[in-house]
Amino acid sequence: MLTLTENATTAVKHLTEQVPTDTAGLRIAQATAPNEGYAVTLAEAPAEGDTVVEDSGARVFVDAVSSVQLGDRVLDAQIDENGGVGFALAQRR
């Protein structure tokens, strides 16, 4: 199952504070165009079939196809000085 670094947990919590619901999370799904990787969006709740990854209050929803592909990955994040967030996936060690 996808895991989150401490930075990713902090970033996800920061982003989901902007969504007016207690069930909000970051959603990772296949991009609409082939070979474009993953689409990352804010969601009010998981979609049907999503795997829910929770860590210290951060919620990430992963669609069924991506859940299989990301099962051995770690989600990391960096927040820049302007508050912008960048996510990266790494192989779990």
C-alpha atoms as a PDB file:
ATOM      1  CA  MET A   1       0.000   0.000   0.000  1.00  0.00           C
ATOM      2  CA  LEU A   2       1.127   3.557  -0.732  1.00  0.00           C
ATOM      3  CA  THR A   3       2.778   5.214   2.254  1.00  0.00           C
ATOM      4  CA  LEU A   4       3.353   8.891   3.046  1.00  0.00           C
ATOM      5  CA  THR A   5       6.426  10.690   4.276  1.00  0.00           C
ATOM      6  CA  GLU A   6       6.079  13.212   7.081  1.00  0.00           C
ATOM      7  CA  ASN A   7       6.357  16.026   4.503  1.00  0.00           C
ATOM      8  CA  ALA A   8       3.573  14.496   2.395  1.00  0.00           C
ATOM      9  CA  THR A   9       1.355  14.098   5.460  1.00  0.00           C
ATOM     10  CA  THR A  10       1.841  17.769   6.339  1.00  0.00           C
ATOM     11  CA  ALA A  11       1.229  18.926   2.750  1.00  0.00           C
ATOM     12  CA  VAL A  12      -1.925  16.833   2.325  1.00  0.00           C
ATOM     13  CA  LYS A  13      -3.364  18.117   5.599  1.00  0.00           C
ATOM     14  CA  HIS A  14      -2.544  21.699   4.574  1.00  0.00           C
ATOM     15  CA  LEU A  15      -4.236  21.296   1.180  1.00  0.00           C
ATOM     16  CA  THR A  16      -7.335  19.516   2.441  1.00  0.00           C
ATOM     17  CA  GLU A  17      -7.976  22.274   4.998  1.00  0.00           C
ATOM     18  CA  GLN A  18      -9.191  24.268   1.975  1.00  0.00           C
ATOM     19  CA  VAL A  19     -12.038  21.815   1.307  1.00  0.00           C
ATOM     20  CA  PRO A  20     -15.130  22.429   3.483  1.00  0.00           C
ATOM     21  CA  THR A  21     -15.730  18.829   4.547  1.00  0.00           C
ATOM     22  CA  ASP A  22     -14.322  16.429   7.133  1.00  0.00           C
ATOM     23  CA  THR A  23     -13.975  13.670   4.516  1.00  0.00           C
ATOM     24  CA  ALA A  24     -11.657  15.569   2.149  1.00  0.00           C
ATOM     25  CA  GLY A  25      -8.439  14.137   0.810  1.00  0.00           C
ATOM     26  CA  LEU A  26      -5.935  14.215  -1.995  1.00  0.00           C
ATOM     27  CA  ARG A  27      -6.944  11.917  -4.876  1.00  0.00           C
ATOM     28  CA  ILE A  28      -4.429  10.145  -7.081  1.00  0.00           C
ATOM     29  CA  ALA A  29      -5.766   8.593 -10.279  1.00  0.00           C
ATOM     30  CA  GLN A  30      -4.566   7.637 -13.728  1.00  0.00           C
ATOM     31  CA  ALA A  31      -4.095  10.668 -15.971  1.00  0.00           C
ATOM     32  CA  THR A  32      -6.604  10.937 -18.798  1.00  0.00           C
ATOM     33  CA  ALA A  33      -3.941  10.704 -21.514  1.00  0.00           C
ATOM     34  CA  PRO A  34      -1.765   7.583 -21.767  1.00  0.00           C
ATOM     35  CA  ASN A  35       1.820   7.883 -20.528  1.00  0.00           C
ATOM     36  CA  GLU A  36       1.133  11.093 -18.592  1.00  0.00           C
ATOM     37  CA  GLY A  37       1.408   9.486 -15.180  1.00  0.00           C
ATOM     38  CA  TYR A  38      -1.056  10.400 -12.477  1.00  0.00           C
ATOM     39  CA  ALA A  39      -3.588  13.154 -11.880  1.00  0.00           C
ATOM     40  CA  VAL A  40      -3.544  14.636  -8.374  1.00  0.00           C
ATOM     41  CA  THR A  41      -6.629  16.558  -7.263  1.00  0.00           C
ATOM     42  CA  LEU A  42      -8.418  17.585  -4.088  1.00  0.00           C
ATOM     43  CA  ALA A  43     -11.562  15.575  -3.436  1.00  0.00           C
ATOM     44  CA  GLU A  44     -14.389  15.970  -0.945  1.00  0.00           C
ATOM     45  CA  ALA A  45     -14.550  12.190  -0.455  1.00  0.00           C
ATOM     46  CA  PRO A  46     -13.165   9.017  -2.014  1.00  0.00           C
ATOM     47  CA  ALA A  47     -14.726   7.797  -5.256  1.00  0.00           C
ATOM     48  CA  GLU A  48     -16.239   4.340  -5.390  1.00  0.00           C
ATOM     49  CA  GLY A  49     -13.444   1.766  -5.537  1.00  0.00           C
ATOM     50  CA  ASP A  50     -10.745   4.098  -4.181  1.00  0.00           C
ATOM     51  CA  THR A  51      -8.262   2.838  -1.616  1.00  0.00           C
ATOM     52  CA  VAL A  52      -8.065   5.246   1.321  1.00  0.00           C
ATOM     53  CA  VAL A  53      -4.615   5.815   2.829  1.00  0.00           C
ATOM     54  CA  GLU A  54      -4.679   7.657   6.163  1.00  0.00           C
ATOM     55  CA  ASP A  55      -1.678   8.880   8.112  1.00  0.00           C
ATOM     56  CA  SER A  56      -1.851  11.223  11.109  1.00  0.00           C
ATOM     57  CA  GLY A  57      -4.984  12.937   9.823  1.00  0.00           C
ATOM     58  CA  ALA A  58      -3.938  13.111   6.165  1.00  0.00           C
ATOM     59  CA  ARG A  59      -6.176  11.257   3.717  1.00  0.00           C
ATOM     60  CA  VAL A  60      -5.147  10.135   0.240  1.00  0.00           C
ATOM     61  CA  PHE A  61      -7.589   8.428  -2.115  1.00  0.00           C
ATOM     62  CA  VAL A  62      -6.050   6.185  -4.773  1.00  0.00           C
ATOM     63  CA  ASP A  63      -8.098   4.834  -7.675  1.00  0.00           C
ATOM     64  CA  ALA A  64      -8.168   1.064  -8.199  1.00  0.00           C
ATOM     65  CA  VAL A  65      -5.675   0.917 -11.091  1.00  0.00           C
ATOM     66  CA  SER A  66      -3.206   3.300  -9.442  1.00  0.00           C
ATOM     67  CA  SER A  67      -3.531   1.481  -6.126  1.00  0.00           C
ATOM     68  CA  VAL A  68      -2.004  -1.636  -7.691  1.00  0.00           C
ATOM     69  CA  GLN A  69       0.745   0.345  -9.416  1.00  0.00           C
ATOM     70  CA  LEU A  70       1.612   2.420  -6.332  1.00  0.00           C
ATOM     71  CA  GLY A  71       1.493  -0.386  -3.787  1.00  0.00           C
ATOM     72  CA  ASP A  72       5.254  -0.294  -3.230  1.00  0.00           C
ATOM     73  CA  ARG A  73       5.678   3.485  -3.440  1.00  0.00           C
ATOM     74  CA  VAL A  74       6.153   6.360  -1.012  1.00  0.00           C
ATOM     75  CA  LEU A  75       4.537   9.748  -1.594  1.00  0.00           C
ATOM     76  CA  ASP A  76       6.762  12.681  -0.672  1.00  0.00           C
ATOM     77  CA  ALA A  77       6.133  16.423  -0.890  1.00  0.00           C
ATOM     78  CA  GLN A  78       7.905  19.726  -0.792  1.00  0.00           C
ATOM     79  CA  ILE A  79       6.349  23.071   0.012  1.00  0.00           C
ATOM     80  CA  ASP A  80       8.110  26.070  -1.535  1.00  0.00           C
ATOM     81  CA  GLU A  81       8.461  29.537  -0.012  1.00  0.00           C
ATOM     82  CA  ASN A  82       5.289  30.699  -1.813  1.00  0.00           C
ATOM     83  CA  GLY A  83       3.205  27.845  -0.405  1.00  0.00           C
ATOM     84  CA  GLY A  84       3.231  25.803  -3.619  1.00  0.00           C
ATOM     85  CA  VAL A  85       3.287  22.037  -3.168  1.00  0.00           C
ATOM     86  CA  GLY A  86       5.139  19.533  -5.324  1.00  0.00           C
ATOM     87  CA  PHE A  87       4.613  15.786  -4.948  1.00  0.00           C
ATOM     88  CA  ALA A  88       6.950  12.968  -5.920  1.00  0.00           C
ATOM     89  CA  LEU A  89       6.742   9.197  -5.821  1.00  0.00           C
ATOM     90  CA  ALA A  90       9.680   7.040  -4.798  1.00  0.00           C
ATOM     91  CA  GLN A  91      10.254   3.319  -4.497  1.00  0.00           C
ATOM     92  CA  ARG A  92       9.834   2.108  -0.936  1.00  0.00           C
ATOM     93  CA  ARG A  93      13.098   0.833   0.534  1.00  0.00           C
END
